[in-house]
Amino acid sequence: MAGMFKKKKLTTSKKPMRIRTGDDVIVVSGAGRSNTPRKVLSTLPREGKVIVEGVNVMKDRQKGGAGGRSSGINEQDVIEKPFPIDASNVMLIDPTTKKRTRVAIKPQADSKRARVAVKSGEVV
């Protein structure tokens, strides 16, 4: 009877991500779609998501507390937080052409791997 109910193993597999924190990207689909370059604030590789500055910004309020803030939704209590979007909705900007490009990982001569822009062949 004891072996009847088995626990499921939690798998936390990392998804391969070609985008890193600090990269300049263009949002190609979704609500924040535009051709303006934006910075990646952080990446969440386990979920396959990225947090991009100025995209998917939600408003959150703080509780009133001892600091003299009043409770309720006032303009001084509202904080804007960027929330994650899927990594497939952004594309990296090519450093030479300043246009969006796909990214490949290729081995270099010094036995290291580097991210390479597909269109120009430049190392990102």
PDB file of N, CA and C in Angstrom:
ATOM      1  N   MET A   1       0.793  -1.190   0.000  1.00  0.00           N
ATOM      2  CA  MET A   1       0.000   0.000   0.000  1.00  0.00           C
ATOM      3  C   MET A   1       0.845   1.267   0.000  1.00  0.00           C
ATOM      4  N   ALA A   2       2.038   1.184   0.596  1.00  0.00           N
ATOM      5  CA  ALA A   2       2.853   2.380   0.738  1.00  0.00           C
ATOM      6  C   ALA A   2       3.391   2.862  -0.604  1.00  0.00           C
ATOM      7  N   GLY A   3       3.640   1.960  -1.539  1.00  0.00           N
ATOM      8  CA  GLY A   3       4.187   2.356  -2.825  1.00  0.00           C
ATOM      9  C   GLY A   3       3.138   2.726  -3.849  1.00  0.00           C
ATOM     10  N   MET A   4       1.898   2.823  -3.418  1.00  0.00           N
ATOM     11  CA  MET A   4       0.813   3.076  -4.344  1.00  0.00           C
ATOM     12  C   MET A   4       0.797   4.515  -4.866  1.00  0.00           C
ATOM     13  N   PHE A   5       1.114   5.448  -3.991  1.00  0.00           N
ATOM     14  CA  PHE A   5       1.108   6.855  -4.377  1.00  0.00           C
ATOM     15  C   PHE A   5       2.548   7.342  -4.454  1.00  0.00           C
ATOM     16  N   LYS A   6       3.023   7.525  -5.657  1.00  0.00           N
ATOM     17  CA  LYS A   6       4.398   7.990  -5.841  1.00  0.00           C
ATOM     18  C   LYS A   6       4.411   9.497  -6.005  1.00  0.00           C
ATOM     19  N   LYS A   7       5.435  10.120  -5.461  1.00  0.00           N
ATOM     20  CA  LYS A   7       5.590  11.555  -5.615  1.00  0.00           C
ATOM     21  C   LYS A   7       6.150  11.862  -6.999  1.00  0.00           C
ATOM     22  N   LYS A   8       5.640  12.928  -7.583  1.00  0.00           N
ATOM     23  CA  LYS A   8       6.165  13.358  -8.866  1.00  0.00           C
ATOM     24  C   LYS A   8       7.450  14.137  -8.647  1.00  0.00           C
ATOM     25  N   LYS A   9       8.426  13.892  -9.497  1.00  0.00           N
ATOM     26  CA  LYS A   9       9.673  14.633  -9.416  1.00  0.00           C
ATOM     27  C   LYS A   9       9.488  15.995 -10.066  1.00  0.00           C
ATOM     28  N   LEU A  10       9.944  17.007  -9.379  1.00  0.00           N
ATOM     29  CA  LEU A  10       9.888  18.351  -9.935  1.00  0.00           C
ATOM     30  C   LEU A  10      11.107  18.565 -10.803  1.00  0.00           C
ATOM     31  N   THR A  11      10.887  18.781 -12.069  1.00  0.00           N
ATOM     32  CA  THR A  11      12.005  19.015 -12.972  1.00  0.00           C
ATOM     33  C   THR A  11      12.126  20.508 -13.222  1.00  0.00           C
ATOM     34  N   THR A  12      13.289  21.018 -13.008  1.00  0.00           N
ATOM     35  CA  THR A  12      13.553  22.428 -13.279  1.00  0.00           C
ATOM     36  C   THR A  12      14.614  22.497 -14.359  1.00  0.00           C
ATOM     37  N   SER A  13      14.182  22.298 -15.585  1.00  0.00           N
ATOM     38  CA  SER A  13      15.134  22.314 -16.690  1.00  0.00           C
ATOM     39  C   SER A  13      15.316  23.740 -17.194  1.00  0.00           C
ATOM     40  N   LYS A  14      16.550  24.100 -17.484  1.00  0.00           N
ATOM     41  CA  LYS A  14      16.841  25.412 -18.036  1.00  0.00           C
ATOM     42  C   LYS A  14      16.574  25.383 -19.527  1.00  0.00           C
ATOM     43  N   LYS A  15      15.863  26.372 -20.003  1.00  0.00           N
ATOM     44  CA  LYS A  15      15.650  26.491 -21.436  1.00  0.00           C
ATOM     45  C   LYS A  15      16.821  27.266 -22.033  1.00  0.00           C
ATOM     46  N   PRO A  16      17.265  26.885 -23.219  1.00  0.00           N
ATOM     47  CA  PRO A  16      18.386  27.630 -23.810  1.00  0.00           C
ATOM     48  C   PRO A  16      17.944  29.043 -24.186  1.00  0.00           C
ATOM     49  N   MET A  17      18.670  30.032 -23.679  1.00  0.00           N
ATOM     50  CA  MET A  17      18.329  31.425 -23.963  1.00  0.00           C
ATOM     51  C   MET A  17      19.517  32.100 -24.614  1.00  0.00           C
ATOM     52  N   ARG A  18      19.247  32.808 -25.673  1.00  0.00           N
ATOM     53  CA  ARG A  18      20.287  33.520 -26.392  1.00  0.00           C
ATOM     54  C   ARG A  18      20.366  34.984 -25.945  1.00  0.00           C
ATOM     55  N   ILE A  19      19.465  35.392 -25.079  1.00  0.00           N
ATOM     56  CA  ILE A  19      19.402  36.786 -24.647  1.00  0.00           C
ATOM     57  C   ILE A  19      19.893  36.860 -23.207  1.00  0.00           C
ATOM     58  N   ARG A  20      20.690  37.883 -22.913  1.00  0.00           N
ATOM     59  CA  ARG A  20      21.252  38.049 -21.576  1.00  0.00           C
ATOM     60  C   ARG A  20      20.889  39.418 -21.023  1.00  0.00           C
ATOM     61  N   THR A  21      21.094  39.574 -19.738  1.00  0.00           N
ATOM     62  CA  THR A  21      20.818  40.843 -19.070  1.00  0.00           C
ATOM     63  C   THR A  21      21.712  41.942 -19.644  1.00  0.00           C
ATOM     64  N   GLY A  22      21.105  43.088 -19.928  1.00  0.00           N
ATOM     65  CA  GLY A  22      21.859  44.218 -20.457  1.00  0.00           C
ATOM     66  C   GLY A  22      21.855  44.314 -21.970  1.00  0.00           C
ATOM     67  N   ASP A  23      21.315  43.320 -22.671  1.00  0.00           N
ATOM     68  CA  ASP A  23      21.261  43.351 -24.133  1.00  0.00           C
ATOM     69  C   ASP A  23      20.233  44.367 -24.614  1.00  0.00           C
ATOM     70  N   ASP A  24      20.460  44.907 -25.802  1.00  0.00           N
ATOM     71  CA  ASP A  24      19.469  45.752 -26.462  1.00  0.00           C
ATOM     72  C   ASP A  24      18.614  44.859 -27.342  1.00  0.00           C
ATOM     73  N   VAL A  25      17.287  44.943 -27.163  1.00  0.00           N
ATOM     74  CA  VAL A  25      16.368  44.089 -27.907  1.00  0.00           C
ATOM     75  C   VAL A  25      15.243  44.929 -28.489  1.00  0.00           C
ATOM     76  N   ILE A  26      14.522  44.324 -29.445  1.00  0.00           N
ATOM     77  CA  ILE A  26      13.305  44.897 -30.006  1.00  0.00           C
ATOM     78  C   ILE A  26      12.185  43.908 -29.721  1.00  0.00           C
ATOM     79  N   VAL A  27      11.059  44.404 -29.206  1.00  0.00           N
ATOM     80  CA  VAL A  27       9.894  43.556 -28.952  1.00  0.00           C
ATOM     81  C   VAL A  27       9.170  43.373 -30.276  1.00  0.00           C
ATOM     82  N   VAL A  28       9.068  42.119 -30.749  1.00  0.00           N
ATOM     83  CA  VAL A  28       8.518  41.856 -32.080  1.00  0.00           C
ATOM     84  C   VAL A  28       7.062  41.423 -32.046  1.00  0.00           C
ATOM     85  N   SER A  29       6.548  40.996 -30.900  1.00  0.00           N
ATOM     86  CA  SER A  29       5.139  40.632 -30.832  1.00  0.00           C
ATOM     87  C   SER A  29       4.627  40.866 -29.423  1.00  0.00           C
ATOM     88  N   GLY A  30       3.321  41.018 -29.317  1.00  0.00           N
ATOM     89  CA  GLY A  30       2.698  41.257 -28.024  1.00  0.00           C
ATOM     90  C   GLY A  30       2.292  42.705 -27.865  1.00  0.00           C
ATOM     91  N   ALA A  31       1.884  43.050 -26.670  1.00  0.00           N
ATOM     92  CA  ALA A  31       1.348  44.380 -26.409  1.00  0.00           C
ATOM     93  C   ALA A  31       2.415  45.468 -26.503  1.00  0.00           C
ATOM     94  N   GLY A  32       3.659  45.165 -26.212  1.00  0.00           N
ATOM     95  CA  GLY A  32       4.716  46.168 -26.237  1.00  0.00           C
ATOM     96  C   GLY A  32       5.471  46.228 -27.538  1.00  0.00           C
ATOM     97  N   ARG A  33       4.880  45.730 -28.619  1.00  0.00           N
ATOM     98  CA  ARG A  33       5.581  45.650 -29.905  1.00  0.00           C
ATOM     99  C   ARG A  33       5.893  47.039 -30.453  1.00  0.00           C
ATOM    100  N   SER A  34       7.154  47.241 -30.824  1.00  0.00           N
ATOM    101  CA  SER A  34       7.577  48.490 -31.443  1.00  0.00           C
ATOM    102  C   SER A  34       8.972  48.279 -32.009  1.00  0.00           C
ATOM    103  N   ASN A  35       9.463  49.263 -32.745  1.00  0.00           N
ATOM    104  CA  ASN A  35      10.804  49.184 -33.318  1.00  0.00           C
ATOM    105  C   ASN A  35      11.830  49.948 -32.498  1.00  0.00           C
ATOM    106  N   THR A  36      11.449  50.389 -31.307  1.00  0.00           N
ATOM    107  CA  THR A  36      12.402  51.114 -30.472  1.00  0.00           C
ATOM    108  C   THR A  36      13.241  50.122 -29.669  1.00  0.00           C
ATOM    109  N   PRO A  37      14.553  50.313 -29.632  1.00  0.00           N
ATOM    110  CA  PRO A  37      15.402  49.408 -28.840  1.00  0.00           C
ATOM    111  C   PRO A  37      15.191  49.627 -27.349  1.00  0.00           C
ATOM    112  N   ARG A  38      15.189  48.525 -26.620  1.00  0.00           N
ATOM    113  CA  ARG A  38      14.996  48.575 -25.174  1.00  0.00           C
ATOM    114  C   ARG A  38      16.017  47.665 -24.508  1.00  0.00           C
ATOM    115  N   LYS A  39      16.294  47.900 -23.244  1.00  0.00           N
ATOM    116  CA  LYS A  39      17.265  47.109 -22.478  1.00  0.00           C
ATOM    117  C   LYS A  39      16.567  45.961 -21.761  1.00  0.00           C
ATOM    118  N   VAL A  40      17.285  44.833 -21.654  1.00  0.00           N
ATOM    119  CA  VAL A  40      16.811  43.697 -20.870  1.00  0.00           C
ATOM    120  C   VAL A  40      17.267  43.922 -19.436  1.00  0.00           C
ATOM    121  N   LEU A  41      16.309  43.983 -18.508  1.00  0.00           N
ATOM    122  CA  LEU A  41      16.635  44.216 -17.107  1.00  0.00           C
ATOM    123  C   LEU A  41      17.072  42.933 -16.410  1.00  0.00           C
ATOM    124  N   SER A  42      16.401  41.813 -16.719  1.00  0.00           N
ATOM    125  CA  SER A  42      16.801  40.524 -16.150  1.00  0.00           C
ATOM    126  C   SER A  42      16.196  39.402 -16.988  1.00  0.00           C
ATOM    127  N   THR A  43      16.737  38.201 -16.805  1.00  0.00           N
ATOM    128  CA  THR A  43      16.238  37.028 -17.522  1.00  0.00           C
ATOM    129  C   THR A  43      15.791  35.981 -16.518  1.00  0.00           C
ATOM    130  N   LEU A  44      14.800  35.199 -16.906  1.00  0.00           N
ATOM    131  CA  LEU A  44      14.288  34.090 -16.098  1.00  0.00           C
ATOM    132  C   LEU A  44      14.388  32.825 -16.941  1.00  0.00           C
ATOM    133  N   PRO A  45      15.551  32.169 -16.960  1.00  0.00           N
ATOM    134  CA  PRO A  45      15.742  31.047 -17.884  1.00  0.00           C
ATOM    135  C   PRO A  45      14.876  29.831 -17.593  1.00  0.00           C
ATOM    136  N   ARG A  46      14.512  29.605 -16.346  1.00  0.00           N
ATOM    137  CA  ARG A  46      13.671  28.438 -16.035  1.00  0.00           C
ATOM    138  C   ARG A  46      12.285  28.574 -16.621  1.00  0.00           C
ATOM    139  N   GLU A  47      11.775  29.791 -16.690  1.00  0.00           N
ATOM    140  CA  GLU A  47      10.461  30.021 -17.284  1.00  0.00           C
ATOM    141  C   GLU A  47      10.545  30.413 -18.749  1.00  0.00           C
ATOM    142  N   GLY A  48      11.749  30.741 -19.246  1.00  0.00           N
ATOM    143  CA  GLY A  48      11.902  31.180 -20.625  1.00  0.00           C
ATOM    144  C   GLY A  48      11.361  32.580 -20.842  1.00  0.00           C
ATOM    145  N   LYS A  49      11.529  33.453 -19.845  1.00  0.00           N
ATOM    146  CA  LYS A  49      10.993  34.808 -19.930  1.00  0.00           C
ATOM    147  C   LYS A  49      12.087  35.831 -19.665  1.00  0.00           C
ATOM    148  N   VAL A  50      11.833  37.055 -20.116  1.00  0.00           N
ATOM    149  CA  VAL A  50      12.742  38.169 -19.874  1.00  0.00           C
ATOM    150  C   VAL A  50      11.945  39.361 -19.364  1.00  0.00           C
ATOM    151  N   ILE A  51      12.611  40.229 -18.614  1.00  0.00           N
ATOM    152  CA  ILE A  51      11.996  41.476 -18.160  1.00  0.00           C
ATOM    153  C   ILE A  51      12.659  42.597 -18.934  1.00  0.00           C
ATOM    154  N   VAL A  52      11.852  43.310 -19.725  1.00  0.00           N
ATOM    155  CA  VAL A  52      12.346  44.364 -20.605  1.00  0.00           C
ATOM    156  C   VAL A  52      11.856  45.703 -20.077  1.00  0.00           C
ATOM    157  N   GLU A  53      12.736  46.704 -20.095  1.00  0.00           N
ATOM    158  CA  GLU A  53      12.393  48.011 -19.540  1.00  0.00           C
ATOM    159  C   GLU A  53      11.295  48.675 -20.367  1.00  0.00           C
ATOM    160  N   GLY A  54      10.240  49.133 -19.681  1.00  0.00           N
ATOM    161  CA  GLY A  54       9.158  49.856 -20.326  1.00  0.00           C
ATOM    162  C   GLY A  54       8.134  48.989 -21.029  1.00  0.00           C
ATOM    163  N   VAL A  55       8.221  47.665 -20.906  1.00  0.00           N
ATOM    164  CA  VAL A  55       7.273  46.758 -21.552  1.00  0.00           C
ATOM    165  C   VAL A  55       6.581  45.948 -20.471  1.00  0.00           C
ATOM    166  N   ASN A  56       5.252  45.771 -20.590  1.00  0.00           N
ATOM    167  CA  ASN A  56       4.441  44.993 -19.654  1.00  0.00           C
ATOM    168  C   ASN A  56       4.581  45.548 -18.241  1.00  0.00           C
ATOM    169  N   VAL A  57       4.375  46.850 -18.112  1.00  0.00           N
ATOM    170  CA  VAL A  57       4.509  47.518 -16.821  1.00  0.00           C
ATOM    171  C   VAL A  57       3.149  47.503 -16.124  1.00  0.00           C
ATOM    172  N   MET A  58       3.132  46.999 -14.901  1.00  0.00           N
ATOM    173  CA  MET A  58       1.917  46.945 -14.092  1.00  0.00           C
ATOM    174  C   MET A  58       2.042  47.942 -12.950  1.00  0.00           C
ATOM    175  N   LYS A  59       0.905  48.405 -12.452  1.00  0.00           N
ATOM    176  CA  LYS A  59       0.904  49.322 -11.328  1.00  0.00           C
ATOM    177  C   LYS A  59       0.565  48.546 -10.068  1.00  0.00           C
ATOM    178  N   ASP A  60       1.346  48.779  -9.029  1.00  0.00           N
ATOM    179  CA  ASP A  60       1.145  48.122  -7.751  1.00  0.00           C
ATOM    180  C   ASP A  60       1.048  49.213  -6.702  1.00  0.00           C
ATOM    181  N   ARG A  61       0.263  48.989  -5.668  1.00  0.00           N
ATOM    182  CA  ARG A  61       0.148  50.013  -4.632  1.00  0.00           C
ATOM    183  C   ARG A  61       0.763  49.500  -3.350  1.00  0.00           C
ATOM    184  N   GLN A  62       1.226  50.430  -2.520  1.00  0.00           N
ATOM    185  CA  GLN A  62       1.771  50.088  -1.222  1.00  0.00           C
ATOM    186  C   GLN A  62       0.720  50.339  -0.149  1.00  0.00           C
ATOM    187  N   LYS A  63       0.803  49.553   0.895  1.00  0.00           N
ATOM    188  CA  LYS A  63      -0.103  49.757   2.018  1.00  0.00           C
ATOM    189  C   LYS A  63       0.300  51.012   2.770  1.00  0.00           C
ATOM    190  N   GLY A  64      -0.672  51.657   3.386  1.00  0.00           N
ATOM    191  CA  GLY A  64      -0.361  52.770   4.257  1.00  0.00           C
ATOM    192  C   GLY A  64       0.355  52.254   5.486  1.00  0.00           C
ATOM    193  N   GLY A  65       1.300  53.002   5.975  1.00  0.00           N
ATOM    194  CA  GLY A  65       2.077  52.504   7.101  1.00  0.00           C
ATOM    195  C   GLY A  65       2.513  53.605   8.020  1.00  0.00           C
ATOM    196  N   ALA A  66       3.521  53.311   8.800  1.00  0.00           N
ATOM    197  CA  ALA A  66       4.013  54.256   9.797  1.00  0.00           C
ATOM    198  C   ALA A  66       4.754  55.424   9.162  1.00  0.00           C
ATOM    199  N   GLY A  67       5.086  55.318   7.899  1.00  0.00           N
ATOM    200  CA  GLY A  67       5.839  56.381   7.237  1.00  0.00           C
ATOM    201  C   GLY A  67       5.000  57.577   6.866  1.00  0.00           C
ATOM    202  N   GLY A  68       3.749  57.609   7.275  1.00  0.00           N
ATOM    203  CA  GLY A  68       2.896  58.748   6.981  1.00  0.00           C
ATOM    204  C   GLY A  68       2.122  58.596   5.685  1.00  0.00           C
ATOM    205  N   ARG A  69       2.232  57.438   5.033  1.00  0.00           N
ATOM    206  CA  ARG A  69       1.480  57.227   3.794  1.00  0.00           C
ATOM    207  C   ARG A  69       0.048  56.860   4.144  1.00  0.00           C
ATOM    208  N   SER A  70      -0.882  57.323   3.355  1.00  0.00           N
ATOM    209  CA  SER A  70      -2.276  56.947   3.571  1.00  0.00           C
ATOM    210  C   SER A  70      -2.576  55.702   2.756  1.00  0.00           C
ATOM    211  N   SER A  71      -3.519  54.901   3.244  1.00  0.00           N
ATOM    212  CA  SER A  71      -3.879  53.701   2.500  1.00  0.00           C
ATOM    213  C   SER A  71      -4.815  54.090   1.365  1.00  0.00           C
ATOM    214  N   GLY A  72      -4.987  53.196   0.415  1.00  0.00           N
ATOM    215  CA  GLY A  72      -5.799  53.483  -0.759  1.00  0.00           C
ATOM    216  C   GLY A  72      -4.905  53.695  -1.960  1.00  0.00           C
ATOM    217  N   ILE A  73      -5.506  53.959  -3.090  1.00  0.00           N
ATOM    218  CA  ILE A  73      -4.737  54.138  -4.309  1.00  0.00           C
ATOM    219  C   ILE A  73      -4.559  55.637  -4.538  1.00  0.00           C
ATOM    220  N   ASN A  74      -3.425  56.127  -4.154  1.00  0.00           N
ATOM    221  CA  ASN A  74      -3.052  57.516  -4.391  1.00  0.00           C
ATOM    222  C   ASN A  74      -1.868  57.517  -5.335  1.00  0.00           C
ATOM    223  N   GLU A  75      -1.598  58.639  -5.943  1.00  0.00           N
ATOM    224  CA  GLU A  75      -0.491  58.694  -6.892  1.00  0.00           C
ATOM    225  C   GLU A  75       0.850  58.474  -6.230  1.00  0.00           C
ATOM    226  N   GLN A  76       0.998  58.879  -4.965  1.00  0.00           N
ATOM    227  CA  GLN A  76       2.280  58.685  -4.299  1.00  0.00           C
ATOM    228  C   GLN A  76       2.479  57.242  -3.857  1.00  0.00           C
ATOM    229  N   ASP A  77       1.409  56.466  -3.730  1.00  0.00           N
ATOM    230  CA  ASP A  77       1.505  55.081  -3.274  1.00  0.00           C
ATOM    231  C   ASP A  77       1.652  54.088  -4.408  1.00  0.00           C
ATOM    232  N   VAL A  78       1.486  54.522  -5.649  1.00  0.00           N
ATOM    233  CA  VAL A  78       1.517  53.604  -6.787  1.00  0.00           C
ATOM    234  C   VAL A  78       2.959  53.430  -7.259  1.00  0.00           C
ATOM    235  N   ILE A  79       3.355  52.170  -7.420  1.00  0.00           N
ATOM    236  CA  ILE A  79       4.688  51.833  -7.925  1.00  0.00           C
ATOM    237  C   ILE A  79       4.496  51.096  -9.232  1.00  0.00           C
ATOM    238  N   GLU A  80       5.275  51.440 -10.237  1.00  0.00           N
ATOM    239  CA  GLU A  80       5.209  50.730 -11.513  1.00  0.00           C
ATOM    240  C   GLU A  80       6.284  49.667 -11.554  1.00  0.00           C
ATOM    241  N   LYS A  81       5.877  48.423 -11.839  1.00  0.00           N
ATOM    242  CA  LYS A  81       6.803  47.290 -11.891  1.00  0.00           C
ATOM    243  C   LYS A  81       6.752  46.673 -13.281  1.00  0.00           C
ATOM    244  N   PRO A  82       7.910  46.418 -13.896  1.00  0.00           N
ATOM    245  CA  PRO A  82       7.897  45.673 -15.161  1.00  0.00           C
ATOM    246  C   PRO A  82       7.753  44.182 -14.879  1.00  0.00           C
ATOM    247  N   PHE A  83       6.857  43.531 -15.609  1.00  0.00           N
ATOM    248  CA  PHE A  83       6.638  42.107 -15.460  1.00  0.00           C
ATOM    249  C   PHE A  83       7.238  41.357 -16.644  1.00  0.00           C
ATOM    250  N   PRO A  84       7.504  40.049 -16.492  1.00  0.00           N
ATOM    251  CA  PRO A  84       8.175  39.305 -17.562  1.00  0.00           C
ATOM    252  C   PRO A  84       7.307  39.092 -18.792  1.00  0.00           C
ATOM    253  N   ILE A  85       7.970  39.008 -19.942  1.00  0.00           N
ATOM    254  CA  ILE A  85       7.340  38.595 -21.194  1.00  0.00           C
ATOM    255  C   ILE A  85       8.124  37.405 -21.727  1.00  0.00           C
ATOM    256  N   ASP A  86       7.549  36.675 -22.648  1.00  0.00           N
ATOM    257  CA  ASP A  86       8.210  35.489 -23.176  1.00  0.00           C
ATOM    258  C   ASP A  86       9.432  35.883 -24.002  1.00  0.00           C
ATOM    259  N   ALA A  87      10.471  35.080 -23.884  1.00  0.00           N
ATOM    260  CA  ALA A  87      11.727  35.393 -24.577  1.00  0.00           C
ATOM    261  C   ALA A  87      11.590  35.277 -26.084  1.00  0.00           C
ATOM    262  N   SER A  88      10.586  34.541 -26.553  1.00  0.00           N
ATOM    263  CA  SER A  88      10.397  34.412 -27.994  1.00  0.00           C
ATOM    264  C   SER A  88       9.794  35.672 -28.606  1.00  0.00           C
ATOM    265  N   ASN A  89       9.332  36.596 -27.782  1.00  0.00           N
ATOM    266  CA  ASN A  89       8.729  37.830 -28.282  1.00  0.00           C
ATOM    267  C   ASN A  89       9.738  38.952 -28.491  1.00  0.00           C
ATOM    268  N   VAL A  90      11.013  38.703 -28.198  1.00  0.00           N
ATOM    269  CA  VAL A  90      12.032  39.732 -28.392  1.00  0.00           C
ATOM    270  C   VAL A  90      13.136  39.206 -29.296  1.00  0.00           C
ATOM    271  N   MET A  91      13.779  40.131 -30.021  1.00  0.00           N
ATOM    272  CA  MET A  91      14.921  39.790 -30.866  1.00  0.00           C
ATOM    273  C   MET A  91      16.057  40.739 -30.556  1.00  0.00           C
ATOM    274  N   LEU A  92      17.260  40.195 -30.591  1.00  0.00           N
ATOM    275  CA  LEU A  92      18.458  40.964 -30.294  1.00  0.00           C
ATOM    276  C   LEU A  92      18.770  41.928 -31.433  1.00  0.00           C
ATOM    277  N   ILE A  93      19.389  43.058 -31.103  1.00  0.00           N
ATOM    278  CA  ILE A  93      19.778  44.040 -32.116  1.00  0.00           C
ATOM    279  C   ILE A  93      21.204  43.753 -32.557  1.00  0.00           C
ATOM    280  N   ASP A  94      21.401  43.687 -33.876  1.00  0.00           N
ATOM    281  CA  ASP A  94      22.729  43.459 -34.458  1.00  0.00           C
ATOM    282  C   ASP A  94      23.607  44.676 -34.184  1.00  0.00           C
ATOM    283  N   PRO A  95      24.823  44.484 -33.644  1.00  0.00           N
ATOM    284  CA  PRO A  95      25.657  45.643 -33.302  1.00  0.00           C
ATOM    285  C   PRO A  95      26.144  46.443 -34.505  1.00  0.00           C
ATOM    286  N   THR A  96      26.234  45.825 -35.691  1.00  0.00           N
ATOM    287  CA  THR A  96      26.741  46.570 -36.849  1.00  0.00           C
ATOM    288  C   THR A  96      25.628  47.231 -37.648  1.00  0.00           C
ATOM    289  N   THR A  97      24.550  46.512 -37.917  1.00  0.00           N
ATOM    290  CA  THR A  97      23.479  47.060 -38.750  1.00  0.00           C
ATOM    291  C   THR A  97      22.393  47.757 -37.957  1.00  0.00           C
ATOM    292  N   LYS A  98      22.375  47.574 -36.617  1.00  0.00           N
ATOM    293  CA  LYS A  98      21.362  48.158 -35.731  1.00  0.00           C
ATOM    294  C   LYS A  98      19.949  47.705 -36.081  1.00  0.00           C
ATOM    295  N   LYS A  99      19.828  46.523 -36.686  1.00  0.00           N
ATOM    296  CA  LYS A  99      18.525  45.935 -36.972  1.00  0.00           C
ATOM    297  C   LYS A  99      18.388  44.653 -36.177  1.00  0.00           C
ATOM    298  N   ARG A 100      17.155  44.132 -36.089  1.00  0.00           N
ATOM    299  CA  ARG A 100      16.948  42.912 -35.317  1.00  0.00           C
ATOM    300  C   ARG A 100      17.529  41.708 -36.054  1.00  0.00           C
ATOM    301  N   THR A 101      17.999  40.731 -35.297  1.00  0.00           N
ATOM    302  CA  THR A 101      18.625  39.565 -35.871  1.00  0.00           C
ATOM    303  C   THR A 101      18.450  38.363 -34.958  1.00  0.00           C
ATOM    304  N   ARG A 102      18.590  37.201 -35.533  1.00  0.00           N
ATOM    305  CA  ARG A 102      18.620  35.983 -34.728  1.00  0.00           C
ATOM    306  C   ARG A 102      20.043  35.786 -34.218  1.00  0.00           C
ATOM    307  N   VAL A 103      20.179  34.937 -33.210  1.00  0.00           N
ATOM    308  CA  VAL A 103      21.471  34.725 -32.583  1.00  0.00           C
ATOM    309  C   VAL A 103      21.814  33.246 -32.632  1.00  0.00           C
ATOM    310  N   ALA A 104      23.054  32.948 -33.012  1.00  0.00           N
ATOM    311  CA  ALA A 104      23.555  31.575 -33.013  1.00  0.00           C
ATOM    312  C   ALA A 104      24.728  31.498 -32.047  1.00  0.00           C
ATOM    313  N   ILE A 105      24.980  30.311 -31.543  1.00  0.00           N
ATOM    314  CA  ILE A 105      26.141  30.108 -30.681  1.00  0.00           C
ATOM    315  C   ILE A 105      27.140  29.270 -31.447  1.00  0.00           C
ATOM    316  N   LYS A 106      28.331  29.838 -31.662  1.00  0.00           N
ATOM    317  CA  LYS A 106      29.360  29.157 -32.451  1.00  0.00           C
ATOM    318  C   LYS A 106      30.644  29.072 -31.644  1.00  0.00           C
ATOM    319  N   PRO A 107      31.399  27.975 -31.831  1.00  0.00           N
ATOM    320  CA  PRO A 107      32.675  27.864 -31.116  1.00  0.00           C
ATOM    321  C   PRO A 107      33.711  28.821 -31.701  1.00  0.00           C
ATOM    322  N   GLN A 108      34.567  29.347 -30.825  1.00  0.00           N
ATOM    323  CA  GLN A 108      35.623  30.248 -31.250  1.00  0.00           C
ATOM    324  C   GLN A 108      36.955  29.515 -31.265  1.00  0.00           C
ATOM    325  N   ALA A 109      38.007  30.181 -31.691  1.00  0.00           N
ATOM    326  CA  ALA A 109      39.322  29.558 -31.808  1.00  0.00           C
ATOM    327  C   ALA A 109      39.909  29.197 -30.450  1.00  0.00           C
ATOM    328  N   ASP A 110      39.581  29.957 -29.412  1.00  0.00           N
ATOM    329  CA  ASP A 110      40.135  29.691 -28.091  1.00  0.00           C
ATOM    330  C   ASP A 110      39.266  28.723 -27.281  1.00  0.00           C
ATOM    331  N   SER A 111      38.589  27.824 -27.953  1.00  0.00           N
ATOM    332  CA  SER A 111      37.744  26.764 -27.389  1.00  0.00           C
ATOM    333  C   SER A 111      36.648  27.291 -26.477  1.00  0.00           C
ATOM    334  N   LYS A 112      36.166  28.484 -26.759  1.00  0.00           N
ATOM    335  CA  LYS A 112      35.017  29.031 -26.045  1.00  0.00           C
ATOM    336  C   LYS A 112      33.892  29.235 -27.037  1.00  0.00           C
ATOM    337  N   ARG A 113      32.694  29.372 -26.494  1.00  0.00           N
ATOM    338  CA  ARG A 113      31.541  29.617 -27.348  1.00  0.00           C
ATOM    339  C   ARG A 113      31.179  31.090 -27.293  1.00  0.00           C
ATOM    340  N   ALA A 114      30.668  31.614 -28.397  1.00  0.00           N
ATOM    341  CA  ALA A 114      30.289  33.022 -28.449  1.00  0.00           C
ATOM    342  C   ALA A 114      28.953  33.155 -29.161  1.00  0.00           C
ATOM    343  N   ARG A 115      28.210  34.187 -28.787  1.00  0.00           N
ATOM    344  CA  ARG A 115      26.960  34.499 -29.472  1.00  0.00           C
ATOM    345  C   ARG A 115      27.276  35.294 -30.722  1.00  0.00           C
ATOM    346  N   VAL A 116      26.715  34.862 -31.850  1.00  0.00           N
ATOM    347  CA  VAL A 116      27.021  35.480 -33.138  1.00  0.00           C
ATOM    348  C   VAL A 116      25.708  35.905 -33.778  1.00  0.00           C
ATOM    349  N   ALA A 117      25.671  37.137 -34.305  1.00  0.00           N
ATOM    350  CA  ALA A 117      24.509  37.614 -35.042  1.00  0.00           C
ATOM    351  C   ALA A 117      24.461  36.895 -36.388  1.00  0.00           C
ATOM    352  N   VAL A 118      23.300  36.329 -36.727  1.00  0.00           N
ATOM    353  CA  VAL A 118      23.174  35.494 -37.933  1.00  0.00           C
ATOM    354  C   VAL A 118      23.337  36.324 -39.207  1.00  0.00           C
ATOM    355  N   LYS A 119      22.778  37.538 -39.248  1.00  0.00           N
ATOM    356  CA  LYS A 119      22.809  38.318 -40.476  1.00  0.00           C
ATOM    357  C   LYS A 119      24.190  38.826 -40.829  1.00  0.00           C
ATOM    358  N   SER A 120      24.933  39.345 -39.834  1.00  0.00           N
ATOM    359  CA  SER A 120      26.232  39.946 -40.142  1.00  0.00           C
ATOM    360  C   SER A 120      27.410  39.057 -39.777  1.00  0.00           C
ATOM    361  N   GLY A 121      27.216  38.095 -38.902  1.00  0.00           N
ATOM    362  CA  GLY A 121      28.312  37.240 -38.461  1.00  0.00           C
ATOM    363  C   GLY A 121      29.170  37.846 -37.367  1.00  0.00           C
ATOM    364  N   GLU A 122      28.745  39.001 -36.829  1.00  0.00           N
ATOM    365  CA  GLU A 122      29.488  39.693 -35.769  1.00  0.00           C
ATOM    366  C   GLU A 122      29.241  39.022 -34.423  1.00  0.00           C
ATOM    367  N   VAL A 123      30.262  38.993 -33.585  1.00  0.00           N
ATOM    368  CA  VAL A 123      30.114  38.482 -32.227  1.00  0.00           C
ATOM    369  C   VAL A 123      29.377  39.539 -31.396  1.00  0.00           C
ATOM    370  N   VAL A 124      28.357  39.097 -30.690  1.00  0.00           N
ATOM    371  CA  VAL A 124      27.555  40.021 -29.874  1.00  0.00           C
ATOM    372  C   VAL A 124      28.160  40.111 -28.498  1.00  0.00           C
TER     373      VAL A 124
END
